mmCIF file of all heavy atoms, coordinates in Angstrom:
data_MODEL
# 
_entry.id   MODEL 
# 
loop_
_atom_site.group_PDB 
_atom_site.id 
_atom_site.type_symbol 
_atom_site.label_atom_id 
_atom_site.label_alt_id 
_atom_site.label_comp_id 
_atom_site.label_asym_id 
_atom_site.label_entity_id 
_atom_site.label_seq_id 
_atom_site.pdbx_PDB_ins_code 
_atom_site.Cartn_x 
_atom_site.Cartn_y 
_atom_site.Cartn_z 
_atom_site.occupancy 
_atom_site.B_iso_or_equiv 
_atom_site.pdbx_formal_charge 
_atom_site.auth_seq_id 
_atom_site.auth_comp_id 
_atom_site.auth_asym_id 
_atom_site.auth_atom_id 
_atom_site.pdbx_PDB_model_num 
ATOM 1   N N   . ARG A 1 1  ? 0.896  -1.217  -0.054 1.00 0.00 ? 1  ARG A N   1 
ATOM 2   C CA  . ARG A 1 1  ? 0.020  0.050   -0.004 1.00 0.00 ? 1  ARG A CA  1 
ATOM 3   C C   . ARG A 1 1  ? 0.849  1.214   -0.037 1.00 0.00 ? 1  ARG A C   1 
ATOM 4   O O   . ARG A 1 1  ? 1.732  1.357   0.816  1.00 0.00 ? 1  ARG A O   1 
ATOM 5   C CB  . ARG A 1 1  ? -0.926 0.026   1.293  1.00 0.00 ? 1  ARG A CB  1 
ATOM 6   C CG  . ARG A 1 1  ? -1.950 -1.116  1.247  1.00 0.00 ? 1  ARG A CG  1 
ATOM 7   C CD  . ARG A 1 1  ? -2.985 -0.832  2.384  1.00 0.00 ? 1  ARG A CD  1 
ATOM 8   N NE  . ARG A 1 1  ? -2.456 -0.849  3.675  1.00 0.00 ? 1  ARG A NE  1 
ATOM 9   C CZ  . ARG A 1 1  ? -2.364 -1.927  4.424  1.00 0.00 ? 1  ARG A CZ  1 
ATOM 10  N NH1 . ARG A 1 1  ? -2.750 -3.148  3.920  1.00 0.00 ? 1  ARG A NH1 1 
ATOM 11  N NH2 . ARG A 1 1  ? -1.887 -1.828  5.607  1.00 0.00 ? 1  ARG A NH2 1 
ATOM 12  N N   . PHE A 1 2  ? 0.588  2.159   -0.907 1.00 0.00 ? 2  PHE A N   1 
ATOM 13  C CA  . PHE A 1 2  ? 1.358  3.383   -1.049 1.00 0.00 ? 2  PHE A CA  1 
ATOM 14  C C   . PHE A 1 2  ? 0.367  4.612   -1.094 1.00 0.00 ? 2  PHE A C   1 
ATOM 15  O O   . PHE A 1 2  ? -0.556 4.624   -1.867 1.00 0.00 ? 2  PHE A O   1 
ATOM 16  C CB  . PHE A 1 2  ? 2.206  3.412   -2.295 1.00 0.00 ? 2  PHE A CB  1 
ATOM 17  C CG  . PHE A 1 2  ? 3.253  2.229   -2.342 1.00 0.00 ? 2  PHE A CG  1 
ATOM 18  C CD1 . PHE A 1 2  ? 2.920  1.030   -2.867 1.00 0.00 ? 2  PHE A CD1 1 
ATOM 19  C CD2 . PHE A 1 2  ? 4.379  2.442   -1.763 1.00 0.00 ? 2  PHE A CD2 1 
ATOM 20  C CE1 . PHE A 1 2  ? 3.775  -0.019  -2.888 1.00 0.00 ? 2  PHE A CE1 1 
ATOM 21  C CE2 . PHE A 1 2  ? 5.451  1.342   -1.720 1.00 0.00 ? 2  PHE A CE2 1 
ATOM 22  C CZ  . PHE A 1 2  ? 5.020  0.147   -2.279 1.00 0.00 ? 2  PHE A CZ  1 
ATOM 23  N N   . THR A 1 3  ? 0.587  5.547   -0.177 1.00 0.00 ? 3  THR A N   1 
ATOM 24  C CA  . THR A 1 3  ? -0.357 6.701   -0.120 1.00 0.00 ? 3  THR A CA  1 
ATOM 25  C C   . THR A 1 3  ? 0.362  7.783   0.620  1.00 0.00 ? 3  THR A C   1 
ATOM 26  O O   . THR A 1 3  ? 1.242  7.529   1.442  1.00 0.00 ? 3  THR A O   1 
ATOM 27  C CB  . THR A 1 3  ? -1.610 6.436   0.508  1.00 0.00 ? 3  THR A CB  1 
ATOM 28  O OG1 . THR A 1 3  ? -2.475 7.535   0.602  1.00 0.00 ? 3  THR A OG1 1 
ATOM 29  C CG2 . THR A 1 3  ? -1.422 5.828   1.901  1.00 0.00 ? 3  THR A CG2 1 
ATOM 30  N N   . GLU A 1 4  ? 0.106  9.118   0.255  1.00 0.00 ? 4  GLU A N   1 
ATOM 31  C CA  . GLU A 1 4  ? 0.611  10.164  1.006  1.00 0.00 ? 4  GLU A CA  1 
ATOM 32  C C   . GLU A 1 4  ? -0.139 10.482  2.326  1.00 0.00 ? 4  GLU A C   1 
ATOM 33  O O   . GLU A 1 4  ? 0.381  11.115  3.220  1.00 0.00 ? 4  GLU A O   1 
ATOM 34  C CB  . GLU A 1 4  ? 0.662  11.423  0.198  1.00 0.00 ? 4  GLU A CB  1 
ATOM 35  C CG  . GLU A 1 4  ? 1.716  11.524  -0.920 1.00 0.00 ? 4  GLU A CG  1 
ATOM 36  C CD  . GLU A 1 4  ? 1.726  12.881  -1.595 1.00 0.00 ? 4  GLU A CD  1 
ATOM 37  O OE1 . GLU A 1 4  ? 2.427  13.738  -1.175 1.00 0.00 ? 4  GLU A OE1 1 
ATOM 38  O OE2 . GLU A 1 4  ? 1.028  12.931  -2.663 1.00 0.00 ? 4  GLU A OE2 1 
ATOM 39  N N   . GLY A 1 5  ? -1.380 10.020  2.410  1.00 0.00 ? 5  GLY A N   1 
ATOM 40  C CA  . GLY A 1 5  ? -2.144 10.270  3.540  1.00 0.00 ? 5  GLY A CA  1 
ATOM 41  C C   . GLY A 1 5  ? -1.528 9.456   4.708  1.00 0.00 ? 5  GLY A C   1 
ATOM 42  O O   . GLY A 1 5  ? -1.198 8.281   4.509  1.00 0.00 ? 5  GLY A O   1 
ATOM 43  N N   . HIS A 1 6  ? -1.366 10.080  5.883  1.00 0.00 ? 6  HIS A N   1 
ATOM 44  C CA  . HIS A 1 6  ? -0.644 9.517   6.951  1.00 0.00 ? 6  HIS A CA  1 
ATOM 45  C C   . HIS A 1 6  ? -1.016 10.051  8.314  1.00 0.00 ? 6  HIS A C   1 
ATOM 46  O O   . HIS A 1 6  ? -1.119 11.346  8.414  1.00 0.00 ? 6  HIS A O   1 
ATOM 47  C CB  . HIS A 1 6  ? 0.928  9.694   6.728  1.00 0.00 ? 6  HIS A CB  1 
ATOM 48  C CG  . HIS A 1 6  ? 1.759  9.130   7.732  1.00 0.00 ? 6  HIS A CG  1 
ATOM 49  N ND1 . HIS A 1 6  ? 2.164  7.861   7.819  1.00 0.00 ? 6  HIS A ND1 1 
ATOM 50  C CD2 . HIS A 1 6  ? 2.452  9.743   8.789  1.00 0.00 ? 6  HIS A CD2 1 
ATOM 51  C CE1 . HIS A 1 6  ? 3.003  7.626   8.845  1.00 0.00 ? 6  HIS A CE1 1 
ATOM 52  N NE2 . HIS A 1 6  ? 3.159  8.788   9.419  1.00 0.00 ? 6  HIS A NE2 1 
ATOM 53  N N   . PHE A 1 7  ? -1.027 9.296   9.268  1.00 0.00 ? 7  PHE A N   1 
ATOM 54  C CA  . PHE A 1 7  ? -1.229 9.645   10.652 1.00 0.00 ? 7  PHE A CA  1 
ATOM 55  C C   . PHE A 1 7  ? -0.322 8.805   11.602 1.00 0.00 ? 7  PHE A C   1 
ATOM 56  O O   . PHE A 1 7  ? -0.129 7.650   11.378 1.00 0.00 ? 7  PHE A O   1 
ATOM 57  C CB  . PHE A 1 7  ? -2.652 9.439   11.245 1.00 0.00 ? 7  PHE A CB  1 
ATOM 58  C CG  . PHE A 1 7  ? -3.600 10.402  10.857 1.00 0.00 ? 7  PHE A CG  1 
ATOM 59  C CD1 . PHE A 1 7  ? -4.644 10.206  9.904  1.00 0.00 ? 7  PHE A CD1 1 
ATOM 60  C CD2 . PHE A 1 7  ? -3.643 11.796  11.489 1.00 0.00 ? 7  PHE A CD2 1 
ATOM 61  C CE1 . PHE A 1 7  ? -5.619 11.148  9.600  1.00 0.00 ? 7  PHE A CE1 1 
ATOM 62  C CE2 . PHE A 1 7  ? -4.610 12.696  11.149 1.00 0.00 ? 7  PHE A CE2 1 
ATOM 63  C CZ  . PHE A 1 7  ? -5.548 12.334  10.190 1.00 0.00 ? 7  PHE A CZ  1 
ATOM 64  N N   . ASP A 1 8  ? 0.382  9.517   12.517 1.00 0.00 ? 8  ASP A N   1 
ATOM 65  C CA  . ASP A 1 8  ? 1.124  8.808   13.603 1.00 0.00 ? 8  ASP A CA  1 
ATOM 66  C C   . ASP A 1 8  ? 0.367  9.158   14.847 1.00 0.00 ? 8  ASP A C   1 
ATOM 67  O O   . ASP A 1 8  ? 0.046  10.364  15.156 1.00 0.00 ? 8  ASP A O   1 
ATOM 68  C CB  . ASP A 1 8  ? 2.524  9.364   13.738 1.00 0.00 ? 8  ASP A CB  1 
ATOM 69  C CG  . ASP A 1 8  ? 3.532  8.535   12.903 1.00 0.00 ? 8  ASP A CG  1 
ATOM 70  O OD1 . ASP A 1 8  ? 3.283  7.314   12.803 1.00 0.00 ? 8  ASP A OD1 1 
ATOM 71  O OD2 . ASP A 1 8  ? 4.479  9.056   12.403 1.00 0.00 ? 8  ASP A OD2 1 
ATOM 72  N N   . LEU A 1 9  ? -0.098 8.153   15.601 1.00 0.00 ? 9  LEU A N   1 
ATOM 73  C CA  . LEU A 1 9  ? -1.067 8.354   16.693 1.00 0.00 ? 9  LEU A CA  1 
ATOM 74  C C   . LEU A 1 9  ? -0.583 7.619   18.014 1.00 0.00 ? 9  LEU A C   1 
ATOM 75  O O   . LEU A 1 9  ? -0.939 6.469   18.286 1.00 0.00 ? 9  LEU A O   1 
ATOM 76  C CB  . LEU A 1 9  ? -2.333 7.760   16.287 1.00 0.00 ? 9  LEU A CB  1 
ATOM 77  C CG  . LEU A 1 9  ? -2.936 8.363   14.965 1.00 0.00 ? 9  LEU A CG  1 
ATOM 78  C CD1 . LEU A 1 9  ? -3.918 7.480   14.280 1.00 0.00 ? 9  LEU A CD1 1 
ATOM 79  C CD2 . LEU A 1 9  ? -3.485 9.776   15.165 1.00 0.00 ? 9  LEU A CD2 1 
ATOM 80  N N   . PRO A 1 10 ? 0.246  8.357   18.809 1.00 0.00 ? 10 PRO A N   1 
ATOM 81  C CA  . PRO A 1 10 ? 0.637  7.796   20.017 1.00 0.00 ? 10 PRO A CA  1 
ATOM 82  C C   . PRO A 1 10 ? -0.372 7.833   21.188 1.00 0.00 ? 10 PRO A C   1 
ATOM 83  O O   . PRO A 1 10 ? -0.966 8.970   21.300 1.00 0.00 ? 10 PRO A O   1 
ATOM 84  C CB  . PRO A 1 10 ? 1.912  8.532   20.451 1.00 0.00 ? 10 PRO A CB  1 
ATOM 85  C CG  . PRO A 1 10 ? 1.737  9.906   19.700 1.00 0.00 ? 10 PRO A CG  1 
ATOM 86  C CD  . PRO A 1 10 ? 0.865  9.582   18.509 1.00 0.00 ? 10 PRO A CD  1 
ATOM 87  N N   . MET A 1 11 ? -0.506 6.871   22.001 1.00 0.00 ? 11 MET A N   1 
ATOM 88  C CA  . MET A 1 11 ? -1.620 6.759   22.930 1.00 0.00 ? 11 MET A CA  1 
ATOM 89  C C   . MET A 1 11 ? -0.963 6.426   24.321 1.00 0.00 ? 11 MET A C   1 
ATOM 90  O O   . MET A 1 11 ? 0.010  5.778   24.390 1.00 0.00 ? 11 MET A O   1 
ATOM 91  C CB  . MET A 1 11 ? -2.607 5.658   22.552 1.00 0.00 ? 11 MET A CB  1 
ATOM 92  C CG  . MET A 1 11 ? -3.327 5.974   21.274 1.00 0.00 ? 11 MET A CG  1 
ATOM 93  S SD  . MET A 1 11 ? -4.354 4.540   20.731 1.00 0.00 ? 11 MET A SD  1 
ATOM 94  C CE  . MET A 1 11 ? -5.376 4.253   22.082 1.00 0.00 ? 11 MET A CE  1 
ATOM 95  N N   . ARG A 1 12 ? -1.588 6.944   25.362 1.00 0.00 ? 12 ARG A N   1 
ATOM 96  C CA  . ARG A 1 12 ? -1.178 6.706   26.721 1.00 0.00 ? 12 ARG A CA  1 
ATOM 97  C C   . ARG A 1 12 ? -1.954 5.581   27.294 1.00 0.00 ? 12 ARG A C   1 
ATOM 98  O O   . ARG A 1 12 ? -3.080 5.141   26.814 1.00 0.00 ? 12 ARG A O   1 
ATOM 99  C CB  . ARG A 1 12 ? -1.401 7.966   27.617 1.00 0.00 ? 12 ARG A CB  1 
ATOM 100 C CG  . ARG A 1 12 ? -0.682 9.125   27.174 1.00 0.00 ? 12 ARG A CG  1 
ATOM 101 C CD  . ARG A 1 12 ? -0.852 10.251  28.065 1.00 0.00 ? 12 ARG A CD  1 
ATOM 102 N NE  . ARG A 1 12 ? -2.238 10.617  28.285 1.00 0.00 ? 12 ARG A NE  1 
ATOM 103 C CZ  . ARG A 1 12 ? -2.772 11.343  29.340 1.00 0.00 ? 12 ARG A CZ  1 
ATOM 104 N NH1 . ARG A 1 12 ? -1.969 11.661  30.381 1.00 0.00 ? 12 ARG A NH1 1 
ATOM 105 N NH2 . ARG A 1 12 ? -3.976 11.614  29.332 1.00 0.00 ? 12 ARG A NH2 1 
ATOM 106 N N   . ASN A 1 13 ? -1.484 5.046   28.388 1.00 0.00 ? 13 ASN A N   1 
ATOM 107 C CA  . ASN A 1 13 ? -2.280 4.109   29.313 1.00 0.00 ? 13 ASN A CA  1 
ATOM 108 C C   . ASN A 1 13 ? -2.759 2.825   28.728 1.00 0.00 ? 13 ASN A C   1 
ATOM 109 O O   . ASN A 1 13 ? -3.731 2.240   29.109 1.00 0.00 ? 13 ASN A O   1 
ATOM 110 C CB  . ASN A 1 13 ? -3.518 4.872   29.824 1.00 0.00 ? 13 ASN A CB  1 
ATOM 111 C CG  . ASN A 1 13 ? -3.102 6.171   30.508 1.00 0.00 ? 13 ASN A CG  1 
ATOM 112 O OD1 . ASN A 1 13 ? -2.061 6.175   31.249 1.00 0.00 ? 13 ASN A OD1 1 
ATOM 113 N ND2 . ASN A 1 13 ? -3.895 7.230   30.399 1.00 0.00 ? 13 ASN A ND2 1 
ATOM 114 N N   . CYS A 1 14 ? -2.041 2.358   27.660 1.00 0.00 ? 14 CYS A N   1 
ATOM 115 C CA  . CYS A 1 14 ? -2.376 1.104   27.002 1.00 0.00 ? 14 CYS A CA  1 
ATOM 116 C C   . CYS A 1 14 ? -1.569 -0.035  27.544 1.00 0.00 ? 14 CYS A C   1 
ATOM 117 O O   . CYS A 1 14 ? -0.439 0.097   28.011 1.00 0.00 ? 14 CYS A O   1 
ATOM 118 C CB  . CYS A 1 14 ? -2.128 1.202   25.433 1.00 0.00 ? 14 CYS A CB  1 
ATOM 119 S SG  . CYS A 1 14 ? -3.367 2.294   24.580 1.00 0.00 ? 14 CYS A SG  1 
ATOM 120 N N   . THR A 1 15 ? -2.091 -1.231  27.434 1.00 0.00 ? 15 THR A N   1 
ATOM 121 C CA  . THR A 1 15 ? -1.349 -2.461  27.726 1.00 0.00 ? 15 THR A CA  1 
ATOM 122 C C   . THR A 1 15 ? -1.115 -3.172  26.494 1.00 0.00 ? 15 THR A C   1 
ATOM 123 O O   . THR A 1 15 ? -2.037 -3.430  25.730 1.00 0.00 ? 15 THR A O   1 
ATOM 124 C CB  . THR A 1 15 ? -2.163 -3.341  28.715 1.00 0.00 ? 15 THR A CB  1 
ATOM 125 O OG1 . THR A 1 15 ? -2.248 -2.556  30.043 1.00 0.00 ? 15 THR A OG1 1 
ATOM 126 C CG2 . THR A 1 15 ? -1.444 -4.621  29.098 1.00 0.00 ? 15 THR A CG2 1 
ATOM 127 N N   . ILE A 1 16 ? 0.155  -3.534  26.320 1.00 0.00 ? 16 ILE A N   1 
ATOM 128 C CA  . ILE A 1 16 ? 0.608  -4.304  25.073 1.00 0.00 ? 16 ILE A CA  1 
ATOM 129 C C   . ILE A 1 16 ? 1.159  -5.644  25.459 1.00 0.00 ? 16 ILE A C   1 
ATOM 130 O O   . ILE A 1 16 ? 2.097  -5.720  26.312 1.00 0.00 ? 16 ILE A O   1 
ATOM 131 C CB  . ILE A 1 16 ? 1.626  -3.513  24.315 1.00 0.00 ? 16 ILE A CB  1 
ATOM 132 C CG1 . ILE A 1 16 ? 1.216  -2.074  24.036 1.00 0.00 ? 16 ILE A CG1 1 
ATOM 133 C CG2 . ILE A 1 16 ? 2.072  -4.240  23.052 1.00 0.00 ? 16 ILE A CG2 1 
ATOM 134 C CD1 . ILE A 1 16 ? 2.247  -1.209  23.353 1.00 0.00 ? 16 ILE A CD1 1 
ATOM 135 N N   . ALA A 1 17 ? 0.553  -6.725  24.960 1.00 0.00 ? 17 ALA A N   1 
ATOM 136 C CA  . ALA A 1 17 ? 1.005  -8.099  25.269 1.00 0.00 ? 17 ALA A CA  1 
ATOM 137 C C   . ALA A 1 17 ? 1.390  -8.764  23.913 1.00 0.00 ? 17 ALA A C   1 
ATOM 138 O O   . ALA A 1 17 ? 0.875  -8.637  22.906 1.00 0.00 ? 17 ALA A O   1 
ATOM 139 C CB  . ALA A 1 17 ? -0.069 -8.911  25.888 1.00 0.00 ? 17 ALA A CB  1 
ATOM 140 N N   . LEU A 1 18 ? 2.630  -9.426  23.987 1.00 0.00 ? 18 LEU A N   1 
ATOM 141 C CA  . LEU A 1 18 ? 3.093  -10.214 22.909 1.00 0.00 ? 18 LEU A CA  1 
ATOM 142 C C   . LEU A 1 18 ? 2.940  -11.674 23.243 1.00 0.00 ? 18 LEU A C   1 
ATOM 143 O O   . LEU A 1 18 ? 3.659  -12.117 24.199 1.00 0.00 ? 18 LEU A O   1 
ATOM 144 C CB  . LEU A 1 18 ? 4.574  -9.865  22.557 1.00 0.00 ? 18 LEU A CB  1 
ATOM 145 C CG  . LEU A 1 18 ? 4.841  -8.388  22.194 1.00 0.00 ? 18 LEU A CG  1 
ATOM 146 C CD1 . LEU A 1 18 ? 6.317  -8.207  21.989 1.00 0.00 ? 18 LEU A CD1 1 
ATOM 147 C CD2 . LEU A 1 18 ? 4.121  -7.921  21.048 1.00 0.00 ? 18 LEU A CD2 1 
ATOM 148 N N   . ASP A 1 19 ? 2.185  -12.383 22.493 1.00 0.00 ? 19 ASP A N   1 
ATOM 149 C CA  . ASP A 1 19 ? 1.870  -13.842 22.800 1.00 0.00 ? 19 ASP A CA  1 
ATOM 150 C C   . ASP A 1 19 ? 1.587  -13.955 24.284 1.00 0.00 ? 19 ASP A C   1 
ATOM 151 O O   . ASP A 1 19 ? 1.981  -15.046 24.934 1.00 0.00 ? 19 ASP A O   1 
ATOM 152 C CB  . ASP A 1 19 ? 3.011  -14.684 22.419 1.00 0.00 ? 19 ASP A CB  1 
ATOM 153 C CG  . ASP A 1 19 ? 3.273  -14.702 20.925 1.00 0.00 ? 19 ASP A CG  1 
ATOM 154 O OD1 . ASP A 1 19 ? 2.346  -14.390 20.190 1.00 0.00 ? 19 ASP A OD1 1 
ATOM 155 O OD2 . ASP A 1 19 ? 4.461  -15.092 20.511 1.00 0.00 ? 19 ASP A OD2 1 
ATOM 156 N N   . GLY A 1 20 ? 0.780  -13.083 24.910 1.00 0.00 ? 20 GLY A N   1 
ATOM 157 C CA  . GLY A 1 20 ? 0.329  -13.114 26.174 1.00 0.00 ? 20 GLY A CA  1 
ATOM 158 C C   . GLY A 1 20 ? 1.200  -12.600 27.282 1.00 0.00 ? 20 GLY A C   1 
ATOM 159 O O   . GLY A 1 20 ? 0.877  -12.408 28.390 1.00 0.00 ? 20 GLY A O   1 
ATOM 160 N N   . LYS A 1 21 ? 2.472  -12.265 26.879 1.00 0.00 ? 21 LYS A N   1 
ATOM 161 C CA  . LYS A 1 21 ? 3.424  -11.600 27.786 1.00 0.00 ? 21 LYS A CA  1 
ATOM 162 C C   . LYS A 1 21 ? 3.285  -10.109 27.732 1.00 0.00 ? 21 LYS A C   1 
ATOM 163 O O   . LYS A 1 21 ? 3.503  -9.532  26.655 1.00 0.00 ? 21 LYS A O   1 
ATOM 164 C CB  . LYS A 1 21 ? 4.853  -12.027 27.504 1.00 0.00 ? 21 LYS A CB  1 
ATOM 165 C CG  . LYS A 1 21 ? 5.894  -11.484 28.404 1.00 0.00 ? 21 LYS A CG  1 
ATOM 166 C CD  . LYS A 1 21 ? 7.334  -11.870 28.077 1.00 0.00 ? 21 LYS A CD  1 
ATOM 167 C CE  . LYS A 1 21 ? 8.358  -11.207 29.002 1.00 0.00 ? 21 LYS A CE  1 
ATOM 168 N NZ  . LYS A 1 21 ? 9.693  -11.571 28.689 1.00 0.00 ? 21 LYS A NZ  1 
ATOM 169 N N   . ILE A 1 22 ? 3.096  -9.527  28.839 1.00 0.00 ? 22 ILE A N   1 
ATOM 170 C CA  . ILE A 1 22 ? 2.892  -8.048  28.944 1.00 0.00 ? 22 ILE A CA  1 
ATOM 171 C C   . ILE A 1 22 ? 4.204  -7.324  28.782 1.00 0.00 ? 22 ILE A C   1 
ATOM 172 O O   . ILE A 1 22 ? 5.068  -7.566  29.689 1.00 0.00 ? 22 ILE A O   1 
ATOM 173 C CB  . ILE A 1 22 ? 2.077  -7.636  30.093 1.00 0.00 ? 22 ILE A CB  1 
ATOM 174 C CG1 . ILE A 1 22 ? 0.630  -8.184  30.057 1.00 0.00 ? 22 ILE A CG1 1 
ATOM 175 C CG2 . ILE A 1 22 ? 2.085  -6.105  30.287 1.00 0.00 ? 22 ILE A CG2 1 
ATOM 176 C CD1 . ILE A 1 22 ? -0.145 -7.942  31.261 1.00 0.00 ? 22 ILE A CD1 1 
ATOM 177 N N   . VAL A 1 23 ? 4.411  -6.471  27.840 1.00 0.00 ? 23 VAL A N   1 
ATOM 178 C CA  . VAL A 1 23 ? 5.632  -5.693  27.771 1.00 0.00 ? 23 VAL A CA  1 
ATOM 179 C C   . VAL A 1 23 ? 5.417  -4.194  28.114 1.00 0.00 ? 23 VAL A C   1 
ATOM 180 O O   . VAL A 1 23 ? 6.431  -3.588  28.378 1.00 0.00 ? 23 VAL A O   1 
ATOM 181 C CB  . VAL A 1 23 ? 6.215  -5.845  26.197 1.00 0.00 ? 23 VAL A CB  1 
ATOM 182 C CG1 . VAL A 1 23 ? 6.619  -7.250  25.988 1.00 0.00 ? 23 VAL A CG1 1 
ATOM 183 C CG2 . VAL A 1 23 ? 5.254  -5.391  25.150 1.00 0.00 ? 23 VAL A CG2 1 
ATOM 184 N N   . VAL A 1 24 ? 4.213  -3.764  27.892 1.00 0.00 ? 24 VAL A N   1 
ATOM 185 C CA  . VAL A 1 24 ? 3.888  -2.437  28.434 1.00 0.00 ? 24 VAL A CA  1 
ATOM 186 C C   . VAL A 1 24 ? 2.542  -2.557  29.196 1.00 0.00 ? 24 VAL A C   1 
ATOM 187 O O   . VAL A 1 24 ? 1.541  -3.179  28.689 1.00 0.00 ? 24 VAL A O   1 
ATOM 188 C CB  . VAL A 1 24 ? 3.621  -1.418  27.266 1.00 0.00 ? 24 VAL A CB  1 
ATOM 189 C CG1 . VAL A 1 24 ? 3.102  -0.045  27.720 1.00 0.00 ? 24 VAL A CG1 1 
ATOM 190 C CG2 . VAL A 1 24 ? 4.867  -1.315  26.399 1.00 0.00 ? 24 VAL A CG2 1 
ATOM 191 N N   . LYS A 1 25 ? 2.549  -2.099  30.454 1.00 0.00 ? 25 LYS A N   1 
ATOM 192 C CA  . LYS A 1 25 ? 1.294  -2.230  31.243 1.00 0.00 ? 25 LYS A CA  1 
ATOM 193 C C   . LYS A 1 25 ? 0.759  -0.802  31.619 1.00 0.00 ? 25 LYS A C   1 
ATOM 194 O O   . LYS A 1 25 ? 1.457  -0.075  32.225 1.00 0.00 ? 25 LYS A O   1 
ATOM 195 C CB  . LYS A 1 25 ? 1.596  -3.014  32.555 1.00 0.00 ? 25 LYS A CB  1 
ATOM 196 C CG  . LYS A 1 25 ? 0.359  -3.211  33.394 1.00 0.00 ? 25 LYS A CG  1 
ATOM 197 C CD  . LYS A 1 25 ? 0.727  -4.022  34.638 1.00 0.00 ? 25 LYS A CD  1 
ATOM 198 C CE  . LYS A 1 25 ? -0.514 -4.341  35.480 1.00 0.00 ? 25 LYS A CE  1 
ATOM 199 N NZ  . LYS A 1 25 ? -0.188 -5.164  36.639 1.00 0.00 ? 25 LYS A NZ  1 
ATOM 200 N N   . GLU A 1 26 ? -0.416 -0.548  31.135 1.00 0.00 ? 26 GLU A N   1 
ATOM 201 C CA  . GLU A 1 26 ? -1.040 0.736   31.338 1.00 0.00 ? 26 GLU A CA  1 
ATOM 202 C C   . GLU A 1 26 ? -0.065 1.938   31.128 1.00 0.00 ? 26 GLU A C   1 
ATOM 203 O O   . GLU A 1 26 ? -0.057 2.876   31.963 1.00 0.00 ? 26 GLU A O   1 
ATOM 204 C CB  . GLU A 1 26 ? -1.646 0.835   32.789 1.00 0.00 ? 26 GLU A CB  1 
ATOM 205 C CG  . GLU A 1 26 ? -2.712 -0.262  32.926 1.00 0.00 ? 26 GLU A CG  1 
ATOM 206 C CD  . GLU A 1 26 ? -3.215 -0.282  34.340 1.00 0.00 ? 26 GLU A CD  1 
ATOM 207 O OE1 . GLU A 1 26 ? -2.736 0.416   35.235 1.00 0.00 ? 26 GLU A OE1 1 
ATOM 208 O OE2 . GLU A 1 26 ? -4.194 -1.076  34.652 1.00 0.00 ? 26 GLU A OE2 1 
ATOM 209 N N   . GLY A 1 27 ? 0.647  1.819   30.037 1.00 0.00 ? 27 GLY A N   1 
ATOM 210 C CA  . GLY A 1 27 ? 1.565  2.948   29.615 1.00 0.00 ? 27 GLY A CA  1 
ATOM 211 C C   . GLY A 1 27 ? 2.938  2.915   30.199 1.00 0.00 ? 27 GLY A C   1 
ATOM 212 O O   . GLY A 1 27 ? 3.622  3.882   30.103 1.00 0.00 ? 27 GLY A O   1 
# 
C-alpha cells in the first residue's frame, strides 16, 4: 500500500502483550 495520507497516533495508558506476555502495562 502506497499513499501520502498519513497519521502517527501515540496513545497513553495502553497495555501491550506479545503472545500473552505483557511488555507495556497501562503505559
